[in-house]
């Protein structure tokens, strides 16, 4: 089963595979973020995506979504894409992505940690309907679900984003980038909510392959907010940096 079924005319039916940890009726933000990335990738250009920001306007129900995109600021060297995701005529996500002309030079990056041989820690037991966690393979290099603090985990989508399609590497990155606050949680899941209001990912380069390494850390300031930050890598090195602003409250 896939996260979504394409029903035509920019409409997608979400499946239970998208369900998140806070409410079984709502989607984890990873799959719809990847769906918006897919829509941006369908906008033809020789430019490359340098940054994407997802604004989460409210819970995303598990139902039919309508995705629309446009070139908001055209250009030959840089342009700005805009996208929306709506349910029953109500926008639940907005996205903006800057594209730039490919850089003519590169700098060296450190290699990521080795991929563990097999999945050793099962997904968290936060309810049988937490479909998203069971649709991603998690191989932990540091930390685990029940261990609070910074974490490093290799991920691979077990489930296609859209039925009958192979997800692109950028879609794979977006599908797990929103999990930074979850894998590096610093609070008890049973006592607190820590829900992100947005997700921003800056891409260093185009990722490659099925595997995405999520190296994440979360900080929370009393009287302020929470921030989850991450470095995302493929098998050869870093490809992107992510950040999330967190709303924190007792459950």
C-alpha atoms as a PDB file:
ATOM      1  CA  UNK A   1       0.000   0.000   0.000  1.00  0.00           C
ATOM      2  CA  UNK A   2       1.183   3.533  -0.787  1.00  0.00           C
ATOM      3  CA  UNK A   3       0.860   6.763   1.223  1.00  0.00           C
ATOM      4  CA  UNK A   4      -1.394   8.206  -1.505  1.00  0.00           C
ATOM      5  CA  UNK A   5      -3.469   7.161  -4.503  1.00  0.00           C
ATOM      6  CA  UNK A   6      -3.582   9.602  -7.430  1.00  0.00           C
ATOM      7  CA  UNK A   7      -7.251  10.086  -8.315  1.00  0.00           C
ATOM      8  CA  UNK A   8      -6.610  12.684 -11.036  1.00  0.00           C
ATOM      9  CA  UNK A   9      -6.783  16.454 -11.510  1.00  0.00           C
ATOM     10  CA  UNK A  10      -4.284  17.155  -8.710  1.00  0.00           C
ATOM     11  CA  UNK A  11      -6.293  15.127  -6.184  1.00  0.00           C
ATOM     12  CA  UNK A  12      -4.785  12.426  -3.975  1.00  0.00           C
ATOM     13  CA  UNK A  13      -6.459  10.024  -1.573  1.00  0.00           C
ATOM     14  CA  UNK A  14      -4.446   9.527   1.601  1.00  0.00           C
ATOM     15  CA  UNK A  15      -4.251   6.035   3.117  1.00  0.00           C
ATOM     16  CA  UNK A  16      -3.877   4.986   6.743  1.00  0.00           C
ATOM     17  CA  UNK A  17      -0.135   4.678   6.069  1.00  0.00           C
ATOM     18  CA  UNK A  18       0.069   8.465   6.525  1.00  0.00           C
ATOM     19  CA  UNK A  19      -1.296   8.483  10.100  1.00  0.00           C
ATOM     20  CA  UNK A  20       0.840  10.228  12.724  1.00  0.00           C
ATOM     21  CA  UNK A  21       1.481   9.911  16.465  1.00  0.00           C
ATOM     22  CA  UNK A  22      -0.790  12.611  17.867  1.00  0.00           C
ATOM     23  CA  UNK A  23      -4.196  11.648  16.444  1.00  0.00           C
ATOM     24  CA  UNK A  24      -5.035   8.582  14.305  1.00  0.00           C
ATOM     25  CA  UNK A  25      -7.318  10.745  12.111  1.00  0.00           C
ATOM     26  CA  UNK A  26      -4.465  13.074  11.127  1.00  0.00           C
ATOM     27  CA  UNK A  27      -1.459  12.614   8.878  1.00  0.00           C
ATOM     28  CA  UNK A  28       2.169  12.751   9.888  1.00  0.00           C
ATOM     29  CA  UNK A  29       3.593  15.829   8.129  1.00  0.00           C
ATOM     30  CA  UNK A  30       6.265  13.801   6.326  1.00  0.00           C
ATOM     31  CA  UNK A  31       4.125  12.295   3.539  1.00  0.00           C
ATOM     32  CA  UNK A  32       2.276  15.532   2.600  1.00  0.00           C
ATOM     33  CA  UNK A  33       5.601  17.424   2.630  1.00  0.00           C
ATOM     34  CA  UNK A  34       6.964  14.847   0.188  1.00  0.00           C
ATOM     35  CA  UNK A  35       3.800  15.204  -1.913  1.00  0.00           C
ATOM     36  CA  UNK A  36       4.411  18.954  -2.222  1.00  0.00           C
ATOM     37  CA  UNK A  37       8.022  18.261  -3.203  1.00  0.00           C
ATOM     38  CA  UNK A  38       6.736  15.886  -5.890  1.00  0.00           C
ATOM     39  CA  UNK A  39       4.515  18.659  -7.247  1.00  0.00           C
ATOM     40  CA  UNK A  40       7.449  21.093  -7.359  1.00  0.00           C
ATOM     41  CA  UNK A  41       9.605  18.535  -9.154  1.00  0.00           C
ATOM     42  CA  UNK A  42       6.956  18.350 -11.893  1.00  0.00           C
ATOM     43  CA  UNK A  43       7.516  22.073 -12.657  1.00  0.00           C
ATOM     44  CA  UNK A  44      10.074  21.851 -15.517  1.00  0.00           C
ATOM     45  CA  UNK A  45      13.346  23.772 -15.106  1.00  0.00           C
ATOM     46  CA  UNK A  46      17.123  23.471 -15.339  1.00  0.00           C
ATOM     47  CA  UNK A  47      17.306  25.166 -11.922  1.00  0.00           C
ATOM     48  CA  UNK A  48      17.737  23.086  -8.759  1.00  0.00           C
ATOM     49  CA  UNK A  49      15.802  23.304  -5.488  1.00  0.00           C
ATOM     50  CA  UNK A  50      17.912  25.077  -2.844  1.00  0.00           C
ATOM     51  CA  UNK A  51      15.328  25.528  -0.112  1.00  0.00           C
ATOM     52  CA  UNK A  52      11.777  24.423   0.629  1.00  0.00           C
ATOM     53  CA  UNK A  53       9.617  25.631   3.513  1.00  0.00           C
ATOM     54  CA  UNK A  54       6.397  23.900   4.503  1.00  0.00           C
ATOM     55  CA  UNK A  55       3.942  25.951   6.580  1.00  0.00           C
ATOM     56  CA  UNK A  56       1.597  23.657   8.502  1.00  0.00           C
ATOM     57  CA  UNK A  57      -1.653  25.596   8.900  1.00  0.00           C
ATOM     58  CA  UNK A  58      -3.435  22.890  10.854  1.00  0.00           C
ATOM     59  CA  UNK A  59      -3.851  19.137  11.206  1.00  0.00           C
ATOM     60  CA  UNK A  60      -3.945  17.335   7.863  1.00  0.00           C
ATOM     61  CA  UNK A  61      -6.898  14.904   7.848  1.00  0.00           C
ATOM     62  CA  UNK A  62      -6.593  11.469   6.292  1.00  0.00           C
ATOM     63  CA  UNK A  63      -8.787  12.029   3.263  1.00  0.00           C
ATOM     64  CA  UNK A  64      -8.683  13.497  -0.220  1.00  0.00           C
ATOM     65  CA  UNK A  65      -6.092  16.232  -0.772  1.00  0.00           C
ATOM     66  CA  UNK A  66      -5.873  18.760  -3.595  1.00  0.00           C
ATOM     67  CA  UNK A  67      -2.348  19.869  -4.552  1.00  0.00           C
ATOM     68  CA  UNK A  68      -1.695  22.979  -6.637  1.00  0.00           C
ATOM     69  CA  UNK A  69       1.528  24.771  -7.607  1.00  0.00           C
ATOM     70  CA  UNK A  70       2.636  27.885  -9.490  1.00  0.00           C
ATOM     71  CA  UNK A  71       5.806  29.774 -10.322  1.00  0.00           C
ATOM     72  CA  UNK A  72       5.450  32.771  -8.022  1.00  0.00           C
ATOM     73  CA  UNK A  73       8.629  34.589  -9.061  1.00  0.00           C
ATOM     74  CA  UNK A  74      10.052  33.515 -12.443  1.00  0.00           C
ATOM     75  CA  UNK A  75      13.697  33.961 -13.352  1.00  0.00           C
ATOM     76  CA  UNK A  76      16.587  32.549 -15.390  1.00  0.00           C
ATOM     77  CA  UNK A  77      19.032  32.217 -12.475  1.00  0.00           C
ATOM     78  CA  UNK A  78      16.629  31.897  -9.539  1.00  0.00           C
ATOM     79  CA  UNK A  79      12.906  31.402  -9.225  1.00  0.00           C
ATOM     80  CA  UNK A  80      10.342  30.875  -6.471  1.00  0.00           C
ATOM     81  CA  UNK A  81       7.687  28.164  -6.507  1.00  0.00           C
ATOM     82  CA  UNK A  82       4.489  28.268  -4.458  1.00  0.00           C
ATOM     83  CA  UNK A  83       2.283  25.340  -3.553  1.00  0.00           C
ATOM     84  CA  UNK A  84      -0.781  24.563  -1.492  1.00  0.00           C
ATOM     85  CA  UNK A  85      -2.403  21.454  -0.128  1.00  0.00           C
ATOM     86  CA  UNK A  86      -6.136  21.695   0.583  1.00  0.00           C
ATOM     87  CA  UNK A  87      -8.843  19.493   2.099  1.00  0.00           C
ATOM     88  CA  UNK A  88     -12.511  20.291   1.389  1.00  0.00           C
ATOM     89  CA  UNK A  89     -11.535  23.728   0.068  1.00  0.00           C
ATOM     90  CA  UNK A  90      -9.474  24.594   3.160  1.00  0.00           C
ATOM     91  CA  UNK A  91      -5.707  25.051   2.917  1.00  0.00           C
ATOM     92  CA  UNK A  92      -3.869  22.865   5.422  1.00  0.00           C
ATOM     93  CA  UNK A  93      -0.318  23.360   4.106  1.00  0.00           C
ATOM     94  CA  UNK A  94       1.501  26.015   2.102  1.00  0.00           C
ATOM     95  CA  UNK A  95       4.946  25.622   0.573  1.00  0.00           C
ATOM     96  CA  UNK A  96       7.576  27.858  -1.008  1.00  0.00           C
ATOM     97  CA  UNK A  97      10.688  26.592  -2.772  1.00  0.00           C
ATOM     98  CA  UNK A  98      13.597  28.607  -4.143  1.00  0.00           C
ATOM     99  CA  UNK A  99      15.357  27.157  -7.173  1.00  0.00           C
ATOM    100  CA  UNK A 100      18.791  28.330  -8.296  1.00  0.00           C
ATOM    101  CA  UNK A 101      21.196  27.775 -11.173  1.00  0.00           C
ATOM    102  CA  UNK A 102      23.497  24.815 -10.309  1.00  0.00           C
ATOM    103  CA  UNK A 103      26.774  25.847  -8.623  1.00  0.00           C
ATOM    104  CA  UNK A 104      29.965  25.465 -10.747  1.00  0.00           C
ATOM    105  CA  UNK A 105      32.178  24.421  -7.789  1.00  0.00           C
ATOM    106  CA  UNK A 106      31.950  22.128  -4.748  1.00  0.00           C
ATOM    107  CA  UNK A 107      33.465  21.748  -1.271  1.00  0.00           C
ATOM    108  CA  UNK A 108      34.335  18.542   0.526  1.00  0.00           C
ATOM    109  CA  UNK A 109      31.955  17.053   3.099  1.00  0.00           C
ATOM    110  CA  UNK A 110      32.468  14.401   5.764  1.00  0.00           C
ATOM    111  CA  UNK A 111      31.235  10.880   5.064  1.00  0.00           C
ATOM    112  CA  UNK A 112      28.203   9.715   7.069  1.00  0.00           C
ATOM    113  CA  UNK A 113      28.329   6.831   9.584  1.00  0.00           C
ATOM    114  CA  UNK A 114      28.034   3.293   8.285  1.00  0.00           C
ATOM    115  CA  UNK A 115      24.602   1.845   7.625  1.00  0.00           C
ATOM    116  CA  UNK A 116      23.789  -0.734  10.351  1.00  0.00           C
ATOM    117  CA  UNK A 117      23.332  -4.262   9.036  1.00  0.00           C
ATOM    118  CA  UNK A 118      19.643  -4.597   9.929  1.00  0.00           C
ATOM    119  CA  UNK A 119      16.695  -2.956  11.601  1.00  0.00           C
ATOM    120  CA  UNK A 120      17.279  -3.650  15.295  1.00  0.00           C
ATOM    121  CA  UNK A 121      14.746  -1.377  17.030  1.00  0.00           C
ATOM    122  CA  UNK A 122      11.034  -1.648  16.136  1.00  0.00           C
ATOM    123  CA  UNK A 123       8.878   1.468  15.601  1.00  0.00           C
ATOM    124  CA  UNK A 124       7.394   3.075  18.729  1.00  0.00           C
ATOM    125  CA  UNK A 125       4.259   1.600  20.226  1.00  0.00           C
ATOM    126  CA  UNK A 126       2.078   4.706  20.104  1.00  0.00           C
ATOM    127  CA  UNK A 127      -1.050   3.027  18.834  1.00  0.00           C
ATOM    128  CA  UNK A 128      -1.769   0.496  16.126  1.00  0.00           C
ATOM    129  CA  UNK A 129      -2.835   3.262  13.726  1.00  0.00           C
ATOM    130  CA  UNK A 130       0.527   5.061  13.674  1.00  0.00           C
ATOM    131  CA  UNK A 131       0.907   3.964  10.080  1.00  0.00           C
ATOM    132  CA  UNK A 132       3.742   6.314   9.132  1.00  0.00           C
ATOM    133  CA  UNK A 133       6.241   4.849  11.622  1.00  0.00           C
ATOM    134  CA  UNK A 134       5.580   1.349  10.299  1.00  0.00           C
ATOM    135  CA  UNK A 135       5.993   2.507   6.687  1.00  0.00           C
ATOM    136  CA  UNK A 136       9.610   3.626   7.181  1.00  0.00           C
ATOM    137  CA  UNK A 137      12.568   1.352   7.911  1.00  0.00           C
ATOM    138  CA  UNK A 138      14.634   2.714  10.815  1.00  0.00           C
ATOM    139  CA  UNK A 139      18.237   1.638  11.422  1.00  0.00           C
ATOM    140  CA  UNK A 140      19.672   3.445  14.435  1.00  0.00           C
ATOM    141  CA  UNK A 141      23.317   4.501  14.588  1.00  0.00           C
ATOM    142  CA  UNK A 142      22.737   6.513  17.811  1.00  0.00           C
ATOM    143  CA  UNK A 143      19.728   6.578  20.105  1.00  0.00           C
ATOM    144  CA  UNK A 144      16.357   4.857  19.639  1.00  0.00           C
ATOM    145  CA  UNK A 145      12.653   5.629  19.991  1.00  0.00           C
ATOM    146  CA  UNK A 146      12.512   5.385  23.774  1.00  0.00           C
ATOM    147  CA  UNK A 147      15.849   7.130  24.356  1.00  0.00           C
ATOM    148  CA  UNK A 148      15.625  10.892  24.771  1.00  0.00           C
ATOM    149  CA  UNK A 149      18.178  13.221  23.216  1.00  0.00           C
ATOM    150  CA  UNK A 150      20.136  13.571  19.954  1.00  0.00           C
ATOM    151  CA  UNK A 151      19.757  10.683  17.532  1.00  0.00           C
ATOM    152  CA  UNK A 152      21.183   9.410  14.273  1.00  0.00           C
ATOM    153  CA  UNK A 153      19.118   6.987  12.233  1.00  0.00           C
ATOM    154  CA  UNK A 154      19.206   5.617   8.702  1.00  0.00           C
ATOM    155  CA  UNK A 155      15.778   5.558   7.062  1.00  0.00           C
ATOM    156  CA  UNK A 156      14.249   3.983   3.975  1.00  0.00           C
ATOM    157  CA  UNK A 157      10.680   4.229   2.737  1.00  0.00           C
ATOM    158  CA  UNK A 158       8.960   0.835   2.723  1.00  0.00           C
ATOM    159  CA  UNK A 159       5.899   2.387   1.091  1.00  0.00           C
ATOM    160  CA  UNK A 160       5.679   4.306  -2.220  1.00  0.00           C
ATOM    161  CA  UNK A 161       4.634   7.929  -1.877  1.00  0.00           C
ATOM    162  CA  UNK A 162       2.110   7.629  -4.721  1.00  0.00           C
ATOM    163  CA  UNK A 163       0.721   4.303  -5.862  1.00  0.00           C
ATOM    164  CA  UNK A 164       2.592   2.914  -8.861  1.00  0.00           C
ATOM    165  CA  UNK A 165       5.462   5.421  -8.674  1.00  0.00           C
ATOM    166  CA  UNK A 166       9.058   5.208  -7.502  1.00  0.00           C
ATOM    167  CA  UNK A 167       9.703   8.143  -5.138  1.00  0.00           C
ATOM    168  CA  UNK A 168      12.531  10.488  -6.094  1.00  0.00           C
ATOM    169  CA  UNK A 169      15.471  10.952  -3.685  1.00  0.00           C
ATOM    170  CA  UNK A 170      14.255  14.457  -2.792  1.00  0.00           C
ATOM    171  CA  UNK A 171      10.826  13.047  -1.974  1.00  0.00           C
ATOM    172  CA  UNK A 172      12.520  10.473   0.260  1.00  0.00           C
ATOM    173  CA  UNK A 173      14.345  13.265   2.111  1.00  0.00           C
ATOM    174  CA  UNK A 174      11.141  15.235   2.657  1.00  0.00           C
ATOM    175  CA  UNK A 175       9.278  12.136   3.836  1.00  0.00           C
ATOM    176  CA  UNK A 176      11.622  11.800   6.834  1.00  0.00           C
ATOM    177  CA  UNK A 177      12.888  15.368   7.445  1.00  0.00           C
ATOM    178  CA  UNK A 178       9.769  16.101   9.517  1.00  0.00           C
ATOM    179  CA  UNK A 179      10.734  13.229  11.859  1.00  0.00           C
ATOM    180  CA  UNK A 180      13.707  15.114  13.356  1.00  0.00           C
ATOM    181  CA  UNK A 181      11.701  16.201  16.405  1.00  0.00           C
ATOM    182  CA  UNK A 182      10.378  12.679  16.921  1.00  0.00           C
ATOM    183  CA  UNK A 183      13.611  10.703  16.705  1.00  0.00           C
ATOM    184  CA  UNK A 184      15.458  13.247  18.918  1.00  0.00           C
ATOM    185  CA  UNK A 185      12.619  13.888  21.365  1.00  0.00           C
ATOM    186  CA  UNK A 186      13.603  15.278  24.763  1.00  0.00           C
ATOM    187  CA  UNK A 187      10.170  15.001  26.402  1.00  0.00           C
ATOM    188  CA  UNK A 188       7.893  12.123  27.410  1.00  0.00           C
ATOM    189  CA  UNK A 189       5.537  11.356  24.484  1.00  0.00           C
ATOM    190  CA  UNK A 190       2.806  10.445  26.968  1.00  0.00           C
ATOM    191  CA  UNK A 191       2.959  13.720  28.901  1.00  0.00           C
ATOM    192  CA  UNK A 192       3.731  16.348  26.297  1.00  0.00           C
ATOM    193  CA  UNK A 193       2.887  17.480  22.793  1.00  0.00           C
ATOM    194  CA  UNK A 194       5.775  18.799  20.678  1.00  0.00           C
ATOM    195  CA  UNK A 195       4.225  19.597  17.334  1.00  0.00           C
ATOM    196  CA  UNK A 196       6.040  21.476  14.589  1.00  0.00           C
ATOM    197  CA  UNK A 197       4.347  24.417  12.911  1.00  0.00           C
ATOM    198  CA  UNK A 198       6.685  24.377   9.910  1.00  0.00           C
ATOM    199  CA  UNK A 199       9.544  22.548   8.251  1.00  0.00           C
ATOM    200  CA  UNK A 200      12.422  24.144   6.342  1.00  0.00           C
ATOM    201  CA  UNK A 201      14.962  22.111   4.387  1.00  0.00           C
ATOM    202  CA  UNK A 202      18.003  23.622   2.655  1.00  0.00           C
ATOM    203  CA  UNK A 203      19.451  21.318  -0.003  1.00  0.00           C
ATOM    204  CA  UNK A 204      23.206  21.293  -0.522  1.00  0.00           C
ATOM    205  CA  UNK A 205      22.924  18.992  -3.530  1.00  0.00           C
ATOM    206  CA  UNK A 206      20.699  16.417  -5.138  1.00  0.00           C
ATOM    207  CA  UNK A 207      20.452  13.268  -2.980  1.00  0.00           C
ATOM    208  CA  UNK A 208      20.879   9.792  -4.433  1.00  0.00           C
ATOM    209  CA  UNK A 209      19.556   6.346  -3.578  1.00  0.00           C
ATOM    210  CA  UNK A 210      16.936   4.939  -1.224  1.00  0.00           C
ATOM    211  CA  UNK A 211      18.626   5.576   2.125  1.00  0.00           C
ATOM    212  CA  UNK A 212      18.437   8.876   4.027  1.00  0.00           C
ATOM    213  CA  UNK A 213      20.384   9.464   7.228  1.00  0.00           C
ATOM    214  CA  UNK A 214      18.637  11.710   9.759  1.00  0.00           C
ATOM    215  CA  UNK A 215      21.038  13.196  12.335  1.00  0.00           C
ATOM    216  CA  UNK A 216      18.839  15.259  14.653  1.00  0.00           C
ATOM    217  CA  UNK A 217      18.776  17.203  17.905  1.00  0.00           C
ATOM    218  CA  UNK A 218      15.977  19.000  19.763  1.00  0.00           C
ATOM    219  CA  UNK A 219      16.200  21.948  22.170  1.00  0.00           C
ATOM    220  CA  UNK A 220      13.351  23.512  24.167  1.00  0.00           C
ATOM    221  CA  UNK A 221      13.480  26.813  26.084  1.00  0.00           C
ATOM    222  CA  UNK A 222      11.026  27.456  28.928  1.00  0.00           C
ATOM    223  CA  UNK A 223       9.010  30.550  28.097  1.00  0.00           C
ATOM    224  CA  UNK A 224      10.020  30.236  24.454  1.00  0.00           C
ATOM    225  CA  UNK A 225       9.668  27.465  21.916  1.00  0.00           C
ATOM    226  CA  UNK A 226      11.310  24.306  20.714  1.00  0.00           C
ATOM    227  CA  UNK A 227      13.687  23.860  17.802  1.00  0.00           C
ATOM    228  CA  UNK A 228      14.555  20.578  16.118  1.00  0.00           C
ATOM    229  CA  UNK A 229      17.497  20.701  13.727  1.00  0.00           C
ATOM    230  CA  UNK A 230      18.910  18.007  11.487  1.00  0.00           C
ATOM    231  CA  UNK A 231      21.519  17.077   8.917  1.00  0.00           C
ATOM    232  CA  UNK A 232      20.261  14.734   6.195  1.00  0.00           C
ATOM    233  CA  UNK A 233      22.689  12.560   4.232  1.00  0.00           C
ATOM    234  CA  UNK A 234      22.739   9.888   1.573  1.00  0.00           C
ATOM    235  CA  UNK A 235      25.285   7.043   1.490  1.00  0.00           C
ATOM    236  CA  UNK A 236      28.085   9.395   0.333  1.00  0.00           C
ATOM    237  CA  UNK A 237      27.569  12.441   2.564  1.00  0.00           C
ATOM    238  CA  UNK A 238      25.332  15.357   3.637  1.00  0.00           C
ATOM    239  CA  UNK A 239      22.668  16.532   1.195  1.00  0.00           C
ATOM    240  CA  UNK A 240      20.506  18.904   3.274  1.00  0.00           C
ATOM    241  CA  UNK A 241      19.900  20.641   6.589  1.00  0.00           C
ATOM    242  CA  UNK A 242      16.485  20.815   8.212  1.00  0.00           C
ATOM    243  CA  UNK A 243      14.839  22.830  10.981  1.00  0.00           C
ATOM    244  CA  UNK A 244      11.451  22.802  12.708  1.00  0.00           C
ATOM    245  CA  UNK A 245       9.812  25.260  15.115  1.00  0.00           C
ATOM    246  CA  UNK A 246       7.946  23.332  17.829  1.00  0.00           C
ATOM    247  CA  UNK A 247       4.805  24.120  19.783  1.00  0.00           C
ATOM    248  CA  UNK A 248       5.221  22.464  23.200  1.00  0.00           C
ATOM    249  CA  UNK A 249       2.394  21.849  25.687  1.00  0.00           C
ATOM    250  CA  UNK A 250       1.188  19.287  28.247  1.00  0.00           C
ATOM    251  CA  UNK A 251      -1.048  16.622  26.725  1.00  0.00           C
END
